[in-house]
Amino acid sequence: MKIDEVRGFTPDQLADALLNLKKEQFNLRFQAATGQVEKTHRVNEIRKDIARIKTVLRAKKAA
């Protein structure tokens, strides 16, 4: 997810995307614990996407 895409979302869409990413992160953590992760790079991508969304949400609340 690119920062330009994230900035185009409404706050409600950002909250939904954040919830979905957190669920996916949770599932990946369980897969990692059991050794079933196929796409290990996805863990870092999700972490960074969550940070992007939180940053944009905070900026929109401040504005």
PDB file of N, CA and C in Angstrom:
ATOM      1  N   MET A   1       0.844  -1.170   0.000  1.00  0.00           N
ATOM      2  CA  MET A   1       0.000   0.000   0.000  1.00  0.00           C
ATOM      3  C   MET A   1       0.892   1.237   0.000  1.00  0.00           C
ATOM      4  N   LYS A   2       0.649   2.107  -0.936  1.00  0.00           N
ATOM      5  CA  LYS A   2       1.446   3.327  -1.067  1.00  0.00           C
ATOM      6  C   LYS A   2       0.833   4.441  -0.230  1.00  0.00           C
ATOM      7  N   ILE A   3       1.658   5.404   0.145  1.00  0.00           N
ATOM      8  CA  ILE A   3       1.202   6.506   0.982  1.00  0.00           C
ATOM      9  C   ILE A   3       0.153   7.346   0.254  1.00  0.00           C
ATOM     10  N   ASP A   4       0.262   7.478  -1.066  1.00  0.00           N
ATOM     11  CA  ASP A   4      -0.723   8.245  -1.829  1.00  0.00           C
ATOM     12  C   ASP A   4      -2.104   7.590  -1.757  1.00  0.00           C
ATOM     13  N   GLU A   5      -2.136   6.255  -1.781  1.00  0.00           N
ATOM     14  CA  GLU A   5      -3.399   5.534  -1.650  1.00  0.00           C
ATOM     15  C   GLU A   5      -4.007   5.785  -0.277  1.00  0.00           C
ATOM     16  N   VAL A   6      -3.177   5.727   0.738  1.00  0.00           N
ATOM     17  CA  VAL A   6      -3.648   5.875   2.111  1.00  0.00           C
ATOM     18  C   VAL A   6      -4.204   7.274   2.333  1.00  0.00           C
ATOM     19  N   ARG A   7      -3.566   8.278   1.782  1.00  0.00           N
ATOM     20  CA  ARG A   7      -4.026   9.658   1.959  1.00  0.00           C
ATOM     21  C   ARG A   7      -5.376   9.896   1.289  1.00  0.00           C
ATOM     22  N   GLY A   8      -5.709   9.108   0.280  1.00  0.00           N
ATOM     23  CA  GLY A   8      -6.974   9.258  -0.420  1.00  0.00           C
ATOM     24  C   GLY A   8      -8.158   8.654   0.306  1.00  0.00           C
ATOM     25  N   PHE A   9      -7.908   7.848   1.333  1.00  0.00           N
ATOM     26  CA  PHE A   9      -8.983   7.203   2.074  1.00  0.00           C
ATOM     27  C   PHE A   9      -9.643   8.167   3.049  1.00  0.00           C
ATOM     28  N   THR A  10     -10.903   7.893   3.361  1.00  0.00           N
ATOM     29  CA  THR A  10     -11.596   8.644   4.407  1.00  0.00           C
ATOM     30  C   THR A  10     -11.194   8.038   5.755  1.00  0.00           C
ATOM     31  N   PRO A  11     -11.434   8.748   6.851  1.00  0.00           N
ATOM     32  CA  PRO A  11     -11.088   8.189   8.166  1.00  0.00           C
ATOM     33  C   PRO A  11     -11.768   6.849   8.461  1.00  0.00           C
ATOM     34  N   ASP A  12     -13.009   6.670   7.987  1.00  0.00           N
ATOM     35  CA  ASP A  12     -13.694   5.387   8.204  1.00  0.00           C
ATOM     36  C   ASP A  12     -13.018   4.262   7.418  1.00  0.00           C
ATOM     37  N   GLN A  13     -12.625   4.557   6.195  1.00  0.00           N
ATOM     38  CA  GLN A  13     -11.929   3.556   5.385  1.00  0.00           C
ATOM     39  C   GLN A  13     -10.580   3.210   6.004  1.00  0.00           C
ATOM     40  N   LEU A  14      -9.906   4.214   6.555  1.00  0.00           N
ATOM     41  CA  LEU A  14      -8.615   3.975   7.203  1.00  0.00           C
ATOM     42  C   LEU A  14      -8.788   3.080   8.423  1.00  0.00           C
ATOM     43  N   ALA A  15      -9.839   3.318   9.192  1.00  0.00           N
ATOM     44  CA  ALA A  15     -10.090   2.495  10.371  1.00  0.00           C
ATOM     45  C   ALA A  15     -10.376   1.049   9.969  1.00  0.00           C
ATOM     46  N   ASP A  16     -11.137   0.852   8.900  1.00  0.00           N
ATOM     47  CA  ASP A  16     -11.423  -0.499   8.416  1.00  0.00           C
ATOM     48  C   ASP A  16     -10.157  -1.191   7.917  1.00  0.00           C
ATOM     49  N   ALA A  17      -9.351  -0.452   7.173  1.00  0.00           N
ATOM     50  CA  ALA A  17      -8.104  -1.018   6.658  1.00  0.00           C
ATOM     51  C   ALA A  17      -7.166  -1.376   7.804  1.00  0.00           C
ATOM     52  N   LEU A  18      -7.133  -0.536   8.825  1.00  0.00           N
ATOM     53  CA  LEU A  18      -6.289  -0.804   9.987  1.00  0.00           C
ATOM     54  C   LEU A  18      -6.739  -2.073  10.698  1.00  0.00           C
ATOM     55  N   LEU A  19      -8.045  -2.233  10.859  1.00  0.00           N
ATOM     56  CA  LEU A  19      -8.579  -3.429  11.501  1.00  0.00           C
ATOM     57  C   LEU A  19      -8.230  -4.686  10.711  1.00  0.00           C
ATOM     58  N   ASN A  20      -8.387  -4.623   9.389  1.00  0.00           N
ATOM     59  CA  ASN A  20      -8.058  -5.776   8.537  1.00  0.00           C
ATOM     60  C   ASN A  20      -6.573  -6.123   8.610  1.00  0.00           C
ATOM     61  N   LEU A  21      -5.714  -5.101   8.608  1.00  0.00           N
ATOM     62  CA  LEU A  21      -4.280  -5.357   8.682  1.00  0.00           C
ATOM     63  C   LEU A  21      -3.887  -5.955  10.027  1.00  0.00           C
ATOM     64  N   LYS A  22      -4.517  -5.501  11.097  1.00  0.00           N
ATOM     65  CA  LYS A  22      -4.209  -6.054  12.407  1.00  0.00           C
ATOM     66  C   LYS A  22      -4.638  -7.510  12.505  1.00  0.00           C
ATOM     67  N   LYS A  23      -5.768  -7.856  11.888  1.00  0.00           N
ATOM     68  CA  LYS A  23      -6.211  -9.253  11.853  1.00  0.00           C
ATOM     69  C   LYS A  23      -5.221 -10.116  11.078  1.00  0.00           C
ATOM     70  N   GLU A  24      -4.776  -9.584   9.942  1.00  0.00           N
ATOM     71  CA  GLU A  24      -3.815 -10.329   9.125  1.00  0.00           C
ATOM     72  C   GLU A  24      -2.495 -10.499   9.864  1.00  0.00           C
ATOM     73  N   GLN A  25      -2.077  -9.453  10.574  1.00  0.00           N
ATOM     74  CA  GLN A  25      -0.849  -9.532  11.349  1.00  0.00           C
ATOM     75  C   GLN A  25      -0.975 -10.592  12.448  1.00  0.00           C
ATOM     76  N   PHE A  26      -2.121 -10.637  13.087  1.00  0.00           N
ATOM     77  CA  PHE A  26      -2.380 -11.629  14.127  1.00  0.00           C
ATOM     78  C   PHE A  26      -2.283 -13.042  13.559  1.00  0.00           C
ATOM     79  N   ASN A  27      -2.912 -13.262  12.406  1.00  0.00           N
ATOM     80  CA  ASN A  27      -2.866 -14.580  11.771  1.00  0.00           C
ATOM     81  C   ASN A  27      -1.446 -14.961  11.364  1.00  0.00           C
ATOM     82  N   LEU A  28      -0.692 -13.995  10.861  1.00  0.00           N
ATOM     83  CA  LEU A  28       0.686 -14.287  10.467  1.00  0.00           C
ATOM     84  C   LEU A  28       1.556 -14.634  11.667  1.00  0.00           C
ATOM     85  N   ARG A  29       1.276 -13.987  12.796  1.00  0.00           N
ATOM     86  CA  ARG A  29       2.030 -14.304  14.005  1.00  0.00           C
ATOM     87  C   ARG A  29       1.804 -15.752  14.427  1.00  0.00           C
ATOM     88  N   PHE A  30       0.560 -16.220  14.320  1.00  0.00           N
ATOM     89  CA  PHE A  30       0.276 -17.607  14.656  1.00  0.00           C
ATOM     90  C   PHE A  30       0.935 -18.556  13.660  1.00  0.00           C
ATOM     91  N   GLN A  31       0.906 -18.196  12.389  1.00  0.00           N
ATOM     92  CA  GLN A  31       1.563 -19.030  11.390  1.00  0.00           C
ATOM     93  C   GLN A  31       3.059 -19.092  11.635  1.00  0.00           C
ATOM     94  N   ALA A  32       3.643 -17.993  12.041  1.00  0.00           N
ATOM     95  CA  ALA A  32       5.081 -17.969  12.313  1.00  0.00           C
ATOM     96  C   ALA A  32       5.407 -18.847  13.509  1.00  0.00           C
ATOM     97  N   ALA A  33       4.543 -18.840  14.499  1.00  0.00           N
ATOM     98  CA  ALA A  33       4.782 -19.648  15.698  1.00  0.00           C
ATOM     99  C   ALA A  33       4.719 -21.137  15.383  1.00  0.00           C
ATOM    100  N   THR A  34       3.892 -21.505  14.425  1.00  0.00           N
ATOM    101  CA  THR A  34       3.770 -22.916  14.077  1.00  0.00           C
ATOM    102  C   THR A  34       4.636 -23.291  12.879  1.00  0.00           C
ATOM    103  N   GLY A  35       5.354 -22.311  12.327  1.00  0.00           N
ATOM    104  CA  GLY A  35       6.265 -22.595  11.222  1.00  0.00           C
ATOM    105  C   GLY A  35       5.577 -22.754   9.882  1.00  0.00           C
ATOM    106  N   GLN A  36       4.407 -22.149   9.702  1.00  0.00           N
ATOM    107  CA  GLN A  36       3.654 -22.315   8.464  1.00  0.00           C
ATOM    108  C   GLN A  36       3.676 -21.077   7.571  1.00  0.00           C
ATOM    109  N   VAL A  37       4.467 -20.076   7.887  1.00  0.00           N
ATOM    110  CA  VAL A  37       4.480 -18.845   7.095  1.00  0.00           C
ATOM    111  C   VAL A  37       5.159 -19.106   5.760  1.00  0.00           C
ATOM    112  N   GLU A  38       4.451 -18.767   4.688  1.00  0.00           N
ATOM    113  CA  GLU A  38       5.011 -18.936   3.354  1.00  0.00           C
ATOM    114  C   GLU A  38       5.649 -17.634   2.866  1.00  0.00           C
ATOM    115  N   LYS A  39       5.005 -16.524   3.160  1.00  0.00           N
ATOM    116  CA  LYS A  39       5.494 -15.218   2.707  1.00  0.00           C
ATOM    117  C   LYS A  39       6.016 -14.448   3.916  1.00  0.00           C
ATOM    118  N   THR A  40       7.249 -14.691   4.257  1.00  0.00           N
ATOM    119  CA  THR A  40       7.808 -14.059   5.451  1.00  0.00           C
ATOM    120  C   THR A  40       7.952 -12.555   5.300  1.00  0.00           C
ATOM    121  N   HIS A  41       8.118 -12.069   4.076  1.00  0.00           N
ATOM    122  CA  HIS A  41       8.255 -10.627   3.847  1.00  0.00           C
ATOM    123  C   HIS A  41       6.957  -9.886   4.129  1.00  0.00           C
ATOM    124  N   ARG A  42       5.847 -10.589   4.101  1.00  0.00           N
ATOM    125  CA  ARG A  42       4.541  -9.969   4.317  1.00  0.00           C
ATOM    126  C   ARG A  42       4.416  -9.407   5.735  1.00  0.00           C
ATOM    127  N   VAL A  43       5.112  -9.990   6.697  1.00  0.00           N
ATOM    128  CA  VAL A  43       5.064  -9.517   8.079  1.00  0.00           C
ATOM    129  C   VAL A  43       5.566  -8.075   8.150  1.00  0.00           C
ATOM    130  N   ASN A  44       6.689  -7.799   7.506  1.00  0.00           N
ATOM    131  CA  ASN A  44       7.247  -6.443   7.506  1.00  0.00           C
ATOM    132  C   ASN A  44       6.374  -5.474   6.721  1.00  0.00           C
ATOM    133  N   GLU A  45       5.810  -5.929   5.607  1.00  0.00           N
ATOM    134  CA  GLU A  45       4.936  -5.072   4.813  1.00  0.00           C
ATOM    135  C   GLU A  45       3.714  -4.635   5.616  1.00  0.00           C
ATOM    136  N   ILE A  46       3.125  -5.563   6.330  1.00  0.00           N
ATOM    137  CA  ILE A  46       1.937  -5.252   7.127  1.00  0.00           C
ATOM    138  C   ILE A  46       2.288  -4.271   8.227  1.00  0.00           C
ATOM    139  N   ARG A  47       3.402  -4.488   8.874  1.00  0.00           N
ATOM    140  CA  ARG A  47       3.826  -3.589   9.960  1.00  0.00           C
ATOM    141  C   ARG A  47       3.984  -2.155   9.452  1.00  0.00           C
ATOM    142  N   LYS A  48       4.582  -2.022   8.289  1.00  0.00           N
ATOM    143  CA  LYS A  48       4.790  -0.693   7.706  1.00  0.00           C
ATOM    144  C   LYS A  48       3.476  -0.074   7.235  1.00  0.00           C
ATOM    145  N   ASP A  49       2.567  -0.889   6.692  1.00  0.00           N
ATOM    146  CA  ASP A  49       1.264  -0.378   6.281  1.00  0.00           C
ATOM    147  C   ASP A  49       0.470   0.130   7.478  1.00  0.00           C
ATOM    148  N   ILE A  50       0.543  -0.590   8.593  1.00  0.00           N
ATOM    149  CA  ILE A  50      -0.133  -0.155   9.812  1.00  0.00           C
ATOM    150  C   ILE A  50       0.423   1.191  10.264  1.00  0.00           C
ATOM    151  N   ALA A  51       1.712   1.348  10.213  1.00  0.00           N
ATOM    152  CA  ALA A  51       2.334   2.615  10.607  1.00  0.00           C
ATOM    153  C   ALA A  51       1.897   3.744   9.692  1.00  0.00           C
ATOM    154  N   ARG A  52       1.815   3.483   8.371  1.00  0.00           N
ATOM    155  CA  ARG A  52       1.372   4.508   7.427  1.00  0.00           C
ATOM    156  C   ARG A  52      -0.052   4.955   7.742  1.00  0.00           C
ATOM    157  N   ILE A  53      -0.919   3.988   7.982  1.00  0.00           N
ATOM    158  CA  ILE A  53      -2.321   4.312   8.250  1.00  0.00           C
ATOM    159  C   ILE A  53      -2.451   5.103   9.548  1.00  0.00           C
ATOM    160  N   LYS A  54      -1.736   4.692  10.578  1.00  0.00           N
ATOM    161  CA  LYS A  54      -1.797   5.419  11.845  1.00  0.00           C
ATOM    162  C   LYS A  54      -1.279   6.848  11.695  1.00  0.00           C
ATOM    163  N   THR A  55      -0.250   7.021  10.897  1.00  0.00           N
ATOM    164  CA  THR A  55       0.310   8.356  10.676  1.00  0.00           C
ATOM    165  C   THR A  55      -0.704   9.258   9.978  1.00  0.00           C
ATOM    166  N   VAL A  56      -1.353   8.743   8.937  1.00  0.00           N
ATOM    167  CA  VAL A  56      -2.324   9.532   8.196  1.00  0.00           C
ATOM    168  C   VAL A  56      -3.541   9.832   9.065  1.00  0.00           C
ATOM    169  N   LEU A  57      -3.990   8.837   9.845  1.00  0.00           N
ATOM    170  CA  LEU A  57      -5.131   9.064  10.743  1.00  0.00           C
ATOM    171  C   LEU A  57      -4.830  10.184  11.729  1.00  0.00           C
ATOM    172  N   ARG A  58      -3.652  10.141  12.295  1.00  0.00           N
ATOM    173  CA  ARG A  58      -3.266  11.163  13.273  1.00  0.00           C
ATOM    174  C   ARG A  58      -3.192  12.546  12.615  1.00  0.00           C
ATOM    175  N   ALA A  59      -2.679  12.602  11.406  1.00  0.00           N
ATOM    176  CA  ALA A  59      -2.579  13.878  10.698  1.00  0.00           C
ATOM    177  C   ALA A  59      -3.967  14.429  10.370  1.00  0.00           C
ATOM    178  N   LYS A  60      -4.895  13.534   9.991  1.00  0.00           N
ATOM    179  CA  LYS A  60      -6.246  13.980   9.654  1.00  0.00           C
ATOM    180  C   LYS A  60      -6.989  14.453  10.899  1.00  0.00           C
ATOM    181  N   LYS A  61      -6.730  13.832  12.040  1.00  0.00           N
ATOM    182  CA  LYS A  61      -7.370  14.271  13.281  1.00  0.00           C
ATOM    183  C   LYS A  61      -6.847  15.635  13.721  1.00  0.00           C
ATOM    184  N   ALA A  62      -5.580  15.878  13.470  1.00  0.00           N
ATOM    185  CA  ALA A  62      -4.968  17.150  13.859  1.00  0.00           C
ATOM    186  C   ALA A  62      -5.453  18.298  12.968  1.00  0.00           C
ATOM    187  N   ALA A  63      -5.793  17.961  11.725  1.00  0.00           N
ATOM    188  CA  ALA A  63      -6.211  19.010  10.782  1.00  0.00           C
ATOM    189  C   ALA A  63      -7.648  19.454  10.987  1.00  0.00           C
TER     190      ALA A  63
END
